Amino acid sequence: MKRYTAKYVLDGITEADFQSWKHHPVTKIYHRYLRDFERLLAEKQIGLLRTSQTMPDPYVTGEFKGRIETVSDLADLKYQDIRSFYTPEQEQQEQETEE
């Protein structure tokens, strides 16, 4: 899989731009939805545990846990998370030189 550089993906978007986006009214609604959805998933998992006669299938409980963590990560996304996910430009150049 081709890894893009942070500079390419961000295309001039600064941390200030990102913070401005986070405080936009539409983005606030989106983040509220993520938090509410995260809470709903947790409530469903608790409901499953309360009503089960035996321990639920580990796959099912693991799926709940994974979905809850993913939604939480998306709700808490930071600019630095995006920057660090993509390969730094210098590292990308070194990889291309080695190939």
PDB file of N, CA and C in Angstrom:
ATOM      1  N   MET A   1       0.831  -1.178   0.000  1.00  0.00           N
ATOM      2  CA  MET A   1       0.000   0.000   0.000  1.00  0.00           C
ATOM      3  C   MET A   1       0.874   1.240   0.000  1.00  0.00           C
ATOM      4  N   LYS A   2       0.561   2.148  -0.873  1.00  0.00           N
ATOM      5  CA  LYS A   2       1.332   3.380  -0.939  1.00  0.00           C
ATOM      6  C   LYS A   2       1.022   4.235   0.278  1.00  0.00           C
ATOM      7  N   ARG A   3       2.068   4.705   0.921  1.00  0.00           N
ATOM      8  CA  ARG A   3       1.916   5.600   2.069  1.00  0.00           C
ATOM      9  C   ARG A   3       2.154   7.026   1.602  1.00  0.00           C
ATOM     10  N   TYR A   4       1.211   7.875   1.841  1.00  0.00           N
ATOM     11  CA  TYR A   4       1.348   9.276   1.466  1.00  0.00           C
ATOM     12  C   TYR A   4       2.061  10.036   2.572  1.00  0.00           C
ATOM     13  N   THR A   5       2.654  11.144   2.215  1.00  0.00           N
ATOM     14  CA  THR A   5       3.333  11.966   3.206  1.00  0.00           C
ATOM     15  C   THR A   5       2.328  12.902   3.868  1.00  0.00           C
ATOM     16  N   ALA A   6       2.677  13.348   5.063  1.00  0.00           N
ATOM     17  CA  ALA A   6       1.815  14.282   5.791  1.00  0.00           C
ATOM     18  C   ALA A   6       1.639  15.572   4.994  1.00  0.00           C
ATOM     19  N   LYS A   7       2.703  16.033   4.373  1.00  0.00           N
ATOM     20  CA  LYS A   7       2.634  17.281   3.604  1.00  0.00           C
ATOM     21  C   LYS A   7       1.636  17.146   2.451  1.00  0.00           C
ATOM     22  N   TYR A   8       1.641  16.006   1.783  1.00  0.00           N
ATOM     23  CA  TYR A   8       0.730  15.774   0.664  1.00  0.00           C
ATOM     24  C   TYR A   8      -0.721  15.719   1.135  1.00  0.00           C
ATOM     25  N   VAL A   9      -0.971  14.992   2.204  1.00  0.00           N
ATOM     26  CA  VAL A   9      -2.342  14.796   2.683  1.00  0.00           C
ATOM     27  C   VAL A   9      -2.907  16.082   3.286  1.00  0.00           C
ATOM     28  N   LEU A  10      -2.116  16.753   4.104  1.00  0.00           N
ATOM     29  CA  LEU A  10      -2.607  17.959   4.762  1.00  0.00           C
ATOM     30  C   LEU A  10      -2.713  19.139   3.804  1.00  0.00           C
ATOM     31  N   ASP A  11      -1.911  19.153   2.761  1.00  0.00           N
ATOM     32  CA  ASP A  11      -2.004  20.154   1.694  1.00  0.00           C
ATOM     33  C   ASP A  11      -2.158  21.581   2.238  1.00  0.00           C
ATOM     34  N   GLY A  12      -1.299  21.934   3.193  1.00  0.00           N
ATOM     35  CA  GLY A  12      -1.292  23.292   3.715  1.00  0.00           C
ATOM     36  C   GLY A  12      -2.239  23.538   4.876  1.00  0.00           C
ATOM     37  N   ILE A  13      -3.012  22.543   5.280  1.00  0.00           N
ATOM     38  CA  ILE A  13      -3.918  22.718   6.418  1.00  0.00           C
ATOM     39  C   ILE A  13      -3.081  22.740   7.692  1.00  0.00           C
ATOM     40  N   THR A  14      -3.234  23.796   8.455  1.00  0.00           N
ATOM     41  CA  THR A  14      -2.463  23.966   9.682  1.00  0.00           C
ATOM     42  C   THR A  14      -3.258  23.471  10.890  1.00  0.00           C
ATOM     43  N   GLU A  15      -2.584  23.428  12.019  1.00  0.00           N
ATOM     44  CA  GLU A  15      -3.279  23.042  13.244  1.00  0.00           C
ATOM     45  C   GLU A  15      -4.368  24.065  13.576  1.00  0.00           C
ATOM     46  N   ALA A  16      -4.109  25.338  13.282  1.00  0.00           N
ATOM     47  CA  ALA A  16      -5.128  26.374  13.511  1.00  0.00           C
ATOM     48  C   ALA A  16      -6.355  26.122  12.630  1.00  0.00           C
ATOM     49  N   ASP A  17      -6.140  25.715  11.379  1.00  0.00           N
ATOM     50  CA  ASP A  17      -7.260  25.374  10.495  1.00  0.00           C
ATOM     51  C   ASP A  17      -8.061  24.208  11.077  1.00  0.00           C
ATOM     52  N   PHE A  18      -7.342  23.212  11.568  1.00  0.00           N
ATOM     53  CA  PHE A  18      -7.978  22.035  12.141  1.00  0.00           C
ATOM     54  C   PHE A  18      -8.813  22.416  13.366  1.00  0.00           C
ATOM     55  N   GLN A  19      -8.249  23.265  14.231  1.00  0.00           N
ATOM     56  CA  GLN A  19      -8.978  23.714  15.421  1.00  0.00           C
ATOM     57  C   GLN A  19     -10.224  24.509  15.033  1.00  0.00           C
ATOM     58  N   SER A  20     -10.100  25.306  13.997  1.00  0.00           N
ATOM     59  CA  SER A  20     -11.254  26.069  13.505  1.00  0.00           C
ATOM     60  C   SER A  20     -12.352  25.116  13.048  1.00  0.00           C
ATOM     61  N   TRP A  21     -11.966  24.053  12.346  1.00  0.00           N
ATOM     62  CA  TRP A  21     -12.921  23.046  11.886  1.00  0.00           C
ATOM     63  C   TRP A  21     -13.599  22.361  13.069  1.00  0.00           C
ATOM     64  N   LYS A  22     -12.809  22.047  14.119  1.00  0.00           N
ATOM     65  CA  LYS A  22     -13.367  21.365  15.280  1.00  0.00           C
ATOM     66  C   LYS A  22     -14.418  22.211  15.989  1.00  0.00           C
ATOM     67  N   HIS A  23     -14.309  23.524  15.876  1.00  0.00           N
ATOM     68  CA  HIS A  23     -15.240  24.414  16.568  1.00  0.00           C
ATOM     69  C   HIS A  23     -16.370  24.904  15.668  1.00  0.00           C
ATOM     70  N   HIS A  24     -16.410  24.396  14.454  1.00  0.00           N
ATOM     71  CA  HIS A  24     -17.491  24.754  13.536  1.00  0.00           C
ATOM     72  C   HIS A  24     -18.779  24.086  14.035  1.00  0.00           C
ATOM     73  N   PRO A  25     -19.925  24.745  13.925  1.00  0.00           N
ATOM     74  CA  PRO A  25     -21.184  24.160  14.431  1.00  0.00           C
ATOM     75  C   PRO A  25     -21.525  22.790  13.847  1.00  0.00           C
ATOM     76  N   VAL A  26     -21.264  22.577  12.568  1.00  0.00           N
ATOM     77  CA  VAL A  26     -21.567  21.267  11.963  1.00  0.00           C
ATOM     78  C   VAL A  26     -20.649  20.196  12.548  1.00  0.00           C
ATOM     79  N   THR A  27     -19.391  20.520  12.741  1.00  0.00           N
ATOM     80  CA  THR A  27     -18.450  19.566  13.318  1.00  0.00           C
ATOM     81  C   THR A  27     -18.834  19.239  14.750  1.00  0.00           C
ATOM     82  N   LYS A  28     -19.319  20.235  15.487  1.00  0.00           N
ATOM     83  CA  LYS A  28     -19.752  19.986  16.867  1.00  0.00           C
ATOM     84  C   LYS A  28     -20.923  19.003  16.908  1.00  0.00           C
ATOM     85  N   ILE A  29     -21.837  19.132  15.959  1.00  0.00           N
ATOM     86  CA  ILE A  29     -22.956  18.187  15.886  1.00  0.00           C
ATOM     87  C   ILE A  29     -22.433  16.785  15.575  1.00  0.00           C
ATOM     88  N   TYR A  30     -21.497  16.696  14.653  1.00  0.00           N
ATOM     89  CA  TYR A  30     -20.911  15.410  14.279  1.00  0.00           C
ATOM     90  C   TYR A  30     -20.233  14.755  15.493  1.00  0.00           C
ATOM     91  N   HIS A  31     -19.455  15.530  16.243  1.00  0.00           N
ATOM     92  CA  HIS A  31     -18.785  14.984  17.421  1.00  0.00           C
ATOM     93  C   HIS A  31     -19.790  14.585  18.505  1.00  0.00           C
ATOM     94  N   ARG A  32     -20.852  15.344  18.630  1.00  0.00           N
ATOM     95  CA  ARG A  32     -21.889  14.963  19.596  1.00  0.00           C
ATOM     96  C   ARG A  32     -22.519  13.629  19.192  1.00  0.00           C
ATOM     97  N   TYR A  33     -22.785  13.472  17.898  1.00  0.00           N
ATOM     98  CA  TYR A  33     -23.319  12.204  17.399  1.00  0.00           C
ATOM     99  C   TYR A  33     -22.369  11.050  17.735  1.00  0.00           C
ATOM    100  N   LEU A  34     -21.059  11.236  17.512  1.00  0.00           N
ATOM    101  CA  LEU A  34     -20.095  10.177  17.808  1.00  0.00           C
ATOM    102  C   LEU A  34     -20.132   9.811  19.291  1.00  0.00           C
ATOM    103  N   ARG A  35     -20.191  10.804  20.151  1.00  0.00           N
ATOM    104  CA  ARG A  35     -20.234  10.540  21.598  1.00  0.00           C
ATOM    105  C   ARG A  35     -21.525   9.809  21.984  1.00  0.00           C
ATOM    106  N   ASP A  36     -22.651  10.257  21.412  1.00  0.00           N
ATOM    107  CA  ASP A  36     -23.925   9.604  21.701  1.00  0.00           C
ATOM    108  C   ASP A  36     -23.939   8.169  21.175  1.00  0.00           C
ATOM    109  N   PHE A  37     -23.365   7.952  19.994  1.00  0.00           N
ATOM    110  CA  PHE A  37     -23.293   6.615  19.417  1.00  0.00           C
ATOM    111  C   PHE A  37     -22.394   5.717  20.261  1.00  0.00           C
ATOM    112  N   GLU A  38     -21.287   6.268  20.735  1.00  0.00           N
ATOM    113  CA  GLU A  38     -20.372   5.524  21.606  1.00  0.00           C
ATOM    114  C   GLU A  38     -21.119   5.085  22.881  1.00  0.00           C
ATOM    115  N   ARG A  39     -21.879   5.982  23.462  1.00  0.00           N
ATOM    116  CA  ARG A  39     -22.650   5.676  24.670  1.00  0.00           C
ATOM    117  C   ARG A  39     -23.711   4.609  24.390  1.00  0.00           C
ATOM    118  N   LEU A  40     -24.369   4.704  23.235  1.00  0.00           N
ATOM    119  CA  LEU A  40     -25.377   3.705  22.855  1.00  0.00           C
ATOM    120  C   LEU A  40     -24.761   2.314  22.726  1.00  0.00           C
ATOM    121  N   LEU A  41     -23.602   2.237  22.081  1.00  0.00           N
ATOM    122  CA  LEU A  41     -22.925   0.943  21.952  1.00  0.00           C
ATOM    123  C   LEU A  41     -22.581   0.369  23.326  1.00  0.00           C
ATOM    124  N   ALA A  42     -22.097   1.225  24.225  1.00  0.00           N
ATOM    125  CA  ALA A  42     -21.750   0.766  25.577  1.00  0.00           C
ATOM    126  C   ALA A  42     -23.000   0.280  26.311  1.00  0.00           C
ATOM    127  N   GLU A  43     -24.106   1.001  26.150  1.00  0.00           N
ATOM    128  CA  GLU A  43     -25.352   0.581  26.798  1.00  0.00           C
ATOM    129  C   GLU A  43     -25.834  -0.762  26.242  1.00  0.00           C
ATOM    130  N   LYS A  44     -25.686  -0.962  24.935  1.00  0.00           N
ATOM    131  CA  LYS A  44     -26.075  -2.244  24.343  1.00  0.00           C
ATOM    132  C   LYS A  44     -25.203  -3.372  24.878  1.00  0.00           C
ATOM    133  N   GLN A  45     -23.914  -3.098  25.021  1.00  0.00           N
ATOM    134  CA  GLN A  45     -23.016  -4.121  25.551  1.00  0.00           C
ATOM    135  C   GLN A  45     -23.395  -4.461  26.997  1.00  0.00           C
ATOM    136  N   ILE A  46     -23.678  -3.459  27.792  1.00  0.00           N
ATOM    137  CA  ILE A  46     -24.086  -3.693  29.182  1.00  0.00           C
ATOM    138  C   ILE A  46     -25.400  -4.473  29.212  1.00  0.00           C
ATOM    139  N   GLY A  47     -26.325  -4.110  28.328  1.00  0.00           N
ATOM    140  CA  GLY A  47     -27.594  -4.831  28.252  1.00  0.00           C
ATOM    141  C   GLY A  47     -27.396  -6.291  27.916  1.00  0.00           C
ATOM    142  N   LEU A  48     -26.499  -6.571  26.989  1.00  0.00           N
ATOM    143  CA  LEU A  48     -26.192  -7.955  26.626  1.00  0.00           C
ATOM    144  C   LEU A  48     -25.634  -8.717  27.827  1.00  0.00           C
ATOM    145  N   LEU A  49     -24.730  -8.076  28.555  1.00  0.00           N
ATOM    146  CA  LEU A  49     -24.131  -8.732  29.721  1.00  0.00           C
ATOM    147  C   LEU A  49     -25.158  -8.963  30.830  1.00  0.00           C
ATOM    148  N   ARG A  50     -26.070  -8.029  31.005  1.00  0.00           N
ATOM    149  CA  ARG A  50     -27.095  -8.157  32.061  1.00  0.00           C
ATOM    150  C   ARG A  50     -28.092  -9.276  31.775  1.00  0.00           C
ATOM    151  N   THR A  51     -28.437  -9.454  30.515  1.00  0.00           N
ATOM    152  CA  THR A  51     -29.501 -10.403  30.173  1.00  0.00           C
ATOM    153  C   THR A  51     -28.987 -11.783  29.791  1.00  0.00           C
ATOM    154  N   SER A  52     -27.697 -11.965  29.691  1.00  0.00           N
ATOM    155  CA  SER A  52     -27.148 -13.266  29.295  1.00  0.00           C
ATOM    156  C   SER A  52     -27.141 -14.235  30.473  1.00  0.00           C
ATOM    157  N   GLN A  53     -27.540 -15.459  30.181  1.00  0.00           N
ATOM    158  CA  GLN A  53     -27.491 -16.504  31.198  1.00  0.00           C
ATOM    159  C   GLN A  53     -26.069 -17.022  31.379  1.00  0.00           C
ATOM    160  N   THR A  54     -25.292 -16.961  30.308  1.00  0.00           N
ATOM    161  CA  THR A  54     -23.893 -17.372  30.351  1.00  0.00           C
ATOM    162  C   THR A  54     -23.051 -16.231  29.781  1.00  0.00           C
ATOM    163  N   MET A  55     -21.765 -16.364  29.897  1.00  0.00           N
ATOM    164  CA  MET A  55     -20.872 -15.343  29.353  1.00  0.00           C
ATOM    165  C   MET A  55     -21.069 -15.265  27.839  1.00  0.00           C
ATOM    166  N   PRO A  56     -21.318 -14.063  27.308  1.00  0.00           N
ATOM    167  CA  PRO A  56     -21.495 -13.931  25.860  1.00  0.00           C
ATOM    168  C   PRO A  56     -20.234 -14.359  25.106  1.00  0.00           C
ATOM    169  N   ASP A  57     -20.431 -14.681  23.877  1.00  0.00           N
ATOM    170  CA  ASP A  57     -19.333 -15.073  22.992  1.00  0.00           C
ATOM    171  C   ASP A  57     -18.242 -13.999  23.042  1.00  0.00           C
ATOM    172  N   PRO A  58     -16.986 -14.386  23.273  1.00  0.00           N
ATOM    173  CA  PRO A  58     -15.892 -13.403  23.329  1.00  0.00           C
ATOM    174  C   PRO A  58     -15.769 -12.572  22.044  1.00  0.00           C
ATOM    175  N   TYR A  59     -16.131 -13.159  20.907  1.00  0.00           N
ATOM    176  CA  TYR A  59     -16.081 -12.410  19.651  1.00  0.00           C
ATOM    177  C   TYR A  59     -17.045 -11.229  19.701  1.00  0.00           C
ATOM    178  N   VAL A  60     -18.254 -11.472  20.216  1.00  0.00           N
ATOM    179  CA  VAL A  60     -19.268 -10.415  20.290  1.00  0.00           C
ATOM    180  C   VAL A  60     -18.820  -9.311  21.241  1.00  0.00           C
ATOM    181  N   THR A  61     -18.328  -9.690  22.418  1.00  0.00           N
ATOM    182  CA  THR A  61     -17.882  -8.663  23.365  1.00  0.00           C
ATOM    183  C   THR A  61     -16.665  -7.920  22.822  1.00  0.00           C
ATOM    184  N   GLY A  62     -15.797  -8.627  22.125  1.00  0.00           N
ATOM    185  CA  GLY A  62     -14.640  -7.970  21.505  1.00  0.00           C
ATOM    186  C   GLY A  62     -15.048  -7.019  20.395  1.00  0.00           C
ATOM    187  N   GLU A  63     -16.086  -7.396  19.652  1.00  0.00           N
ATOM    188  CA  GLU A  63     -16.585  -6.523  18.589  1.00  0.00           C
ATOM    189  C   GLU A  63     -17.140  -5.234  19.185  1.00  0.00           C
ATOM    190  N   PHE A  64     -17.908  -5.344  20.260  1.00  0.00           N
ATOM    191  CA  PHE A  64     -18.415  -4.153  20.940  1.00  0.00           C
ATOM    192  C   PHE A  64     -17.252  -3.263  21.374  1.00  0.00           C
ATOM    193  N   LYS A  65     -16.271  -3.874  22.031  1.00  0.00           N
ATOM    194  CA  LYS A  65     -15.124  -3.122  22.539  1.00  0.00           C
ATOM    195  C   LYS A  65     -14.408  -2.398  21.401  1.00  0.00           C
ATOM    196  N   GLY A  66     -14.183  -3.088  20.300  1.00  0.00           N
ATOM    197  CA  GLY A  66     -13.497  -2.490  19.163  1.00  0.00           C
ATOM    198  C   GLY A  66     -14.273  -1.338  18.552  1.00  0.00           C
ATOM    199  N   ARG A  67     -15.579  -1.520  18.409  1.00  0.00           N
ATOM    200  CA  ARG A  67     -16.411  -0.451  17.844  1.00  0.00           C
ATOM    201  C   ARG A  67     -16.439   0.761  18.763  1.00  0.00           C
ATOM    202  N   ILE A  68     -16.578   0.522  20.069  1.00  0.00           N
ATOM    203  CA  ILE A  68     -16.603   1.627  21.030  1.00  0.00           C
ATOM    204  C   ILE A  68     -15.289   2.398  20.990  1.00  0.00           C
ATOM    205  N   GLU A  69     -14.165   1.690  20.970  1.00  0.00           N
ATOM    206  CA  GLU A  69     -12.859   2.346  20.939  1.00  0.00           C
ATOM    207  C   GLU A  69     -12.656   3.131  19.645  1.00  0.00           C
ATOM    208  N   THR A  70     -13.114   2.587  18.529  1.00  0.00           N
ATOM    209  CA  THR A  70     -12.964   3.279  17.249  1.00  0.00           C
ATOM    210  C   THR A  70     -13.765   4.572  17.231  1.00  0.00           C
ATOM    211  N   VAL A  71     -15.001   4.512  17.668  1.00  0.00           N
ATOM    212  CA  VAL A  71     -15.836   5.715  17.696  1.00  0.00           C
ATOM    213  C   VAL A  71     -15.221   6.745  18.642  1.00  0.00           C
ATOM    214  N   SER A  72     -14.708   6.299  19.779  1.00  0.00           N
ATOM    215  CA  SER A  72     -14.063   7.196  20.733  1.00  0.00           C
ATOM    216  C   SER A  72     -12.834   7.860  20.111  1.00  0.00           C
ATOM    217  N   ASP A  73     -12.017   7.074  19.408  1.00  0.00           N
ATOM    218  CA  ASP A  73     -10.834   7.630  18.741  1.00  0.00           C
ATOM    219  C   ASP A  73     -11.220   8.692  17.715  1.00  0.00           C
ATOM    220  N   LEU A  74     -12.280   8.436  16.956  1.00  0.00           N
ATOM    221  CA  LEU A  74     -12.726   9.411  15.956  1.00  0.00           C
ATOM    222  C   LEU A  74     -13.237  10.684  16.622  1.00  0.00           C
ATOM    223  N   ALA A  75     -13.922  10.540  17.737  1.00  0.00           N
ATOM    224  CA  ALA A  75     -14.458  11.709  18.445  1.00  0.00           C
ATOM    225  C   ALA A  75     -13.343  12.561  19.051  1.00  0.00           C
ATOM    226  N   ASP A  76     -12.218  11.919  19.392  1.00  0.00           N
ATOM    227  CA  ASP A  76     -11.099  12.627  20.034  1.00  0.00           C
ATOM    228  C   ASP A  76      -9.953  12.939  19.070  1.00  0.00           C
ATOM    229  N   LEU A  77     -10.203  12.870  17.786  1.00  0.00           N
ATOM    230  CA  LEU A  77      -9.139  13.057  16.799  1.00  0.00           C
ATOM    231  C   LEU A  77      -8.438  14.402  16.975  1.00  0.00           C
ATOM    232  N   LYS A  78      -7.111  14.359  16.939  1.00  0.00           N
ATOM    233  CA  LYS A  78      -6.292  15.563  17.068  1.00  0.00           C
ATOM    234  C   LYS A  78      -5.466  15.742  15.801  1.00  0.00           C
ATOM    235  N   TYR A  79      -5.081  16.956  15.551  1.00  0.00           N
ATOM    236  CA  TYR A  79      -4.264  17.280  14.376  1.00  0.00           C
ATOM    237  C   TYR A  79      -2.992  16.437  14.365  1.00  0.00           C
ATOM    238  N   GLN A  80      -2.366  16.304  15.521  1.00  0.00           N
ATOM    239  CA  GLN A  80      -1.121  15.549  15.612  1.00  0.00           C
ATOM    240  C   GLN A  80      -1.336  14.075  15.280  1.00  0.00           C
ATOM    241  N   ASP A  81      -2.516  13.542  15.569  1.00  0.00           N
ATOM    242  CA  ASP A  81      -2.821  12.158  15.202  1.00  0.00           C
ATOM    243  C   ASP A  81      -2.734  11.973  13.693  1.00  0.00           C
ATOM    244  N   ILE A  82      -3.259  12.937  12.963  1.00  0.00           N
ATOM    245  CA  ILE A  82      -3.223  12.871  11.499  1.00  0.00           C
ATOM    246  C   ILE A  82      -1.791  13.008  11.009  1.00  0.00           C
ATOM    247  N   ARG A  83      -1.071  14.002  11.528  1.00  0.00           N
ATOM    248  CA  ARG A  83       0.326  14.213  11.110  1.00  0.00           C
ATOM    249  C   ARG A  83       1.171  12.975  11.362  1.00  0.00           C
ATOM    250  N   SER A  84       1.024  12.380  12.534  1.00  0.00           N
ATOM    251  CA  SER A  84       1.899  11.246  12.863  1.00  0.00           C
ATOM    252  C   SER A  84       1.489   9.970  12.135  1.00  0.00           C
ATOM    253  N   PHE A  85       0.248   9.882  11.645  1.00  0.00           N
ATOM    254  CA  PHE A  85      -0.187   8.701  10.909  1.00  0.00           C
ATOM    255  C   PHE A  85       0.529   8.593   9.562  1.00  0.00           C
ATOM    256  N   TYR A  86       0.720   9.730   8.929  1.00  0.00           N
ATOM    257  CA  TYR A  86       1.345   9.732   7.608  1.00  0.00           C
ATOM    258  C   TYR A  86       2.854   9.838   7.721  1.00  0.00           C
ATOM    259  N   THR A  87       3.532   9.239   6.760  1.00  0.00           N
ATOM    260  CA  THR A  87       4.981   9.185   6.736  1.00  0.00           C
ATOM    261  C   THR A  87       5.567  10.590   6.618  1.00  0.00           C
ATOM    262  N   PRO A  88       6.547  10.912   7.464  1.00  0.00           N
ATOM    263  CA  PRO A  88       7.218  12.202   7.289  1.00  0.00           C
ATOM    264  C   PRO A  88       7.915  12.258   5.927  1.00  0.00           C
ATOM    265  N   GLU A  89       8.030  13.451   5.372  1.00  0.00           N
ATOM    266  CA  GLU A  89       8.595  13.613   4.034  1.00  0.00           C
ATOM    267  C   GLU A  89      10.003  13.020   3.921  1.00  0.00           C
ATOM    268  N   GLN A  90      10.841  13.246   4.932  1.00  0.00           N
ATOM    269  CA  GLN A  90      12.217  12.739   4.901  1.00  0.00           C
ATOM    270  C   GLN A  90      12.231  11.211   4.860  1.00  0.00           C
ATOM    271  N   GLU A  91      11.402  10.586   5.660  1.00  0.00           N
ATOM    272  CA  GLU A  91      11.328   9.122   5.682  1.00  0.00           C
ATOM    273  C   GLU A  91      10.831   8.589   4.344  1.00  0.00           C
ATOM    274  N   GLN A  92       9.858   9.273   3.734  1.00  0.00           N
ATOM    275  CA  GLN A  92       9.335   8.867   2.427  1.00  0.00           C
ATOM    276  C   GLN A  92      10.443   8.915   1.370  1.00  0.00           C
ATOM    277  N   GLN A  93      11.254   9.969   1.406  1.00  0.00           N
ATOM    278  CA  GLN A  93      12.354  10.089   0.443  1.00  0.00           C
ATOM    279  C   GLN A  93      13.363   8.964   0.648  1.00  0.00           C
ATOM    280  N   GLU A  94      13.645   8.615   1.884  1.00  0.00           N
ATOM    281  CA  GLU A  94      14.591   7.524   2.164  1.00  0.00           C
ATOM    282  C   GLU A  94      14.045   6.199   1.647  1.00  0.00           C
ATOM    283  N   GLN A  95      12.755   5.957   1.804  1.00  0.00           N
ATOM    284  CA  GLN A  95      12.148   4.720   1.328  1.00  0.00           C
ATOM    285  C   GLN A  95      12.207   4.641  -0.198  1.00  0.00           C
ATOM    286  N   GLU A  96      11.959   5.755  -0.856  1.00  0.00           N
ATOM    287  CA  GLU A  96      12.006   5.773  -2.320  1.00  0.00           C
ATOM    288  C   GLU A  96      13.423   5.559  -2.823  1.00  0.00           C
ATOM    289  N   THR A  97      14.412   6.062  -2.106  1.00  0.00           N
ATOM    290  CA  THR A  97      15.802   5.891  -2.494  1.00  0.00           C
ATOM    291  C   THR A  97      16.217   4.429  -2.365  1.00  0.00           C
ATOM    292  N   GLU A  98      15.732   3.752  -1.337  1.00  0.00           N
ATOM    293  CA  GLU A  98      16.069   2.338  -1.110  1.00  0.00           C
ATOM    294  C   GLU A  98      15.463   1.431  -2.164  1.00  0.00           C
ATOM    295  N   GLU A  99      14.333   1.817  -2.751  1.00  0.00           N
ATOM    296  CA  GLU A  99      13.648   0.973  -3.739  1.00  0.00           C
ATOM    297  C   GLU A  99      14.339   1.113  -5.032  1.00  0.00           C
TER     298      GLU A  99
END
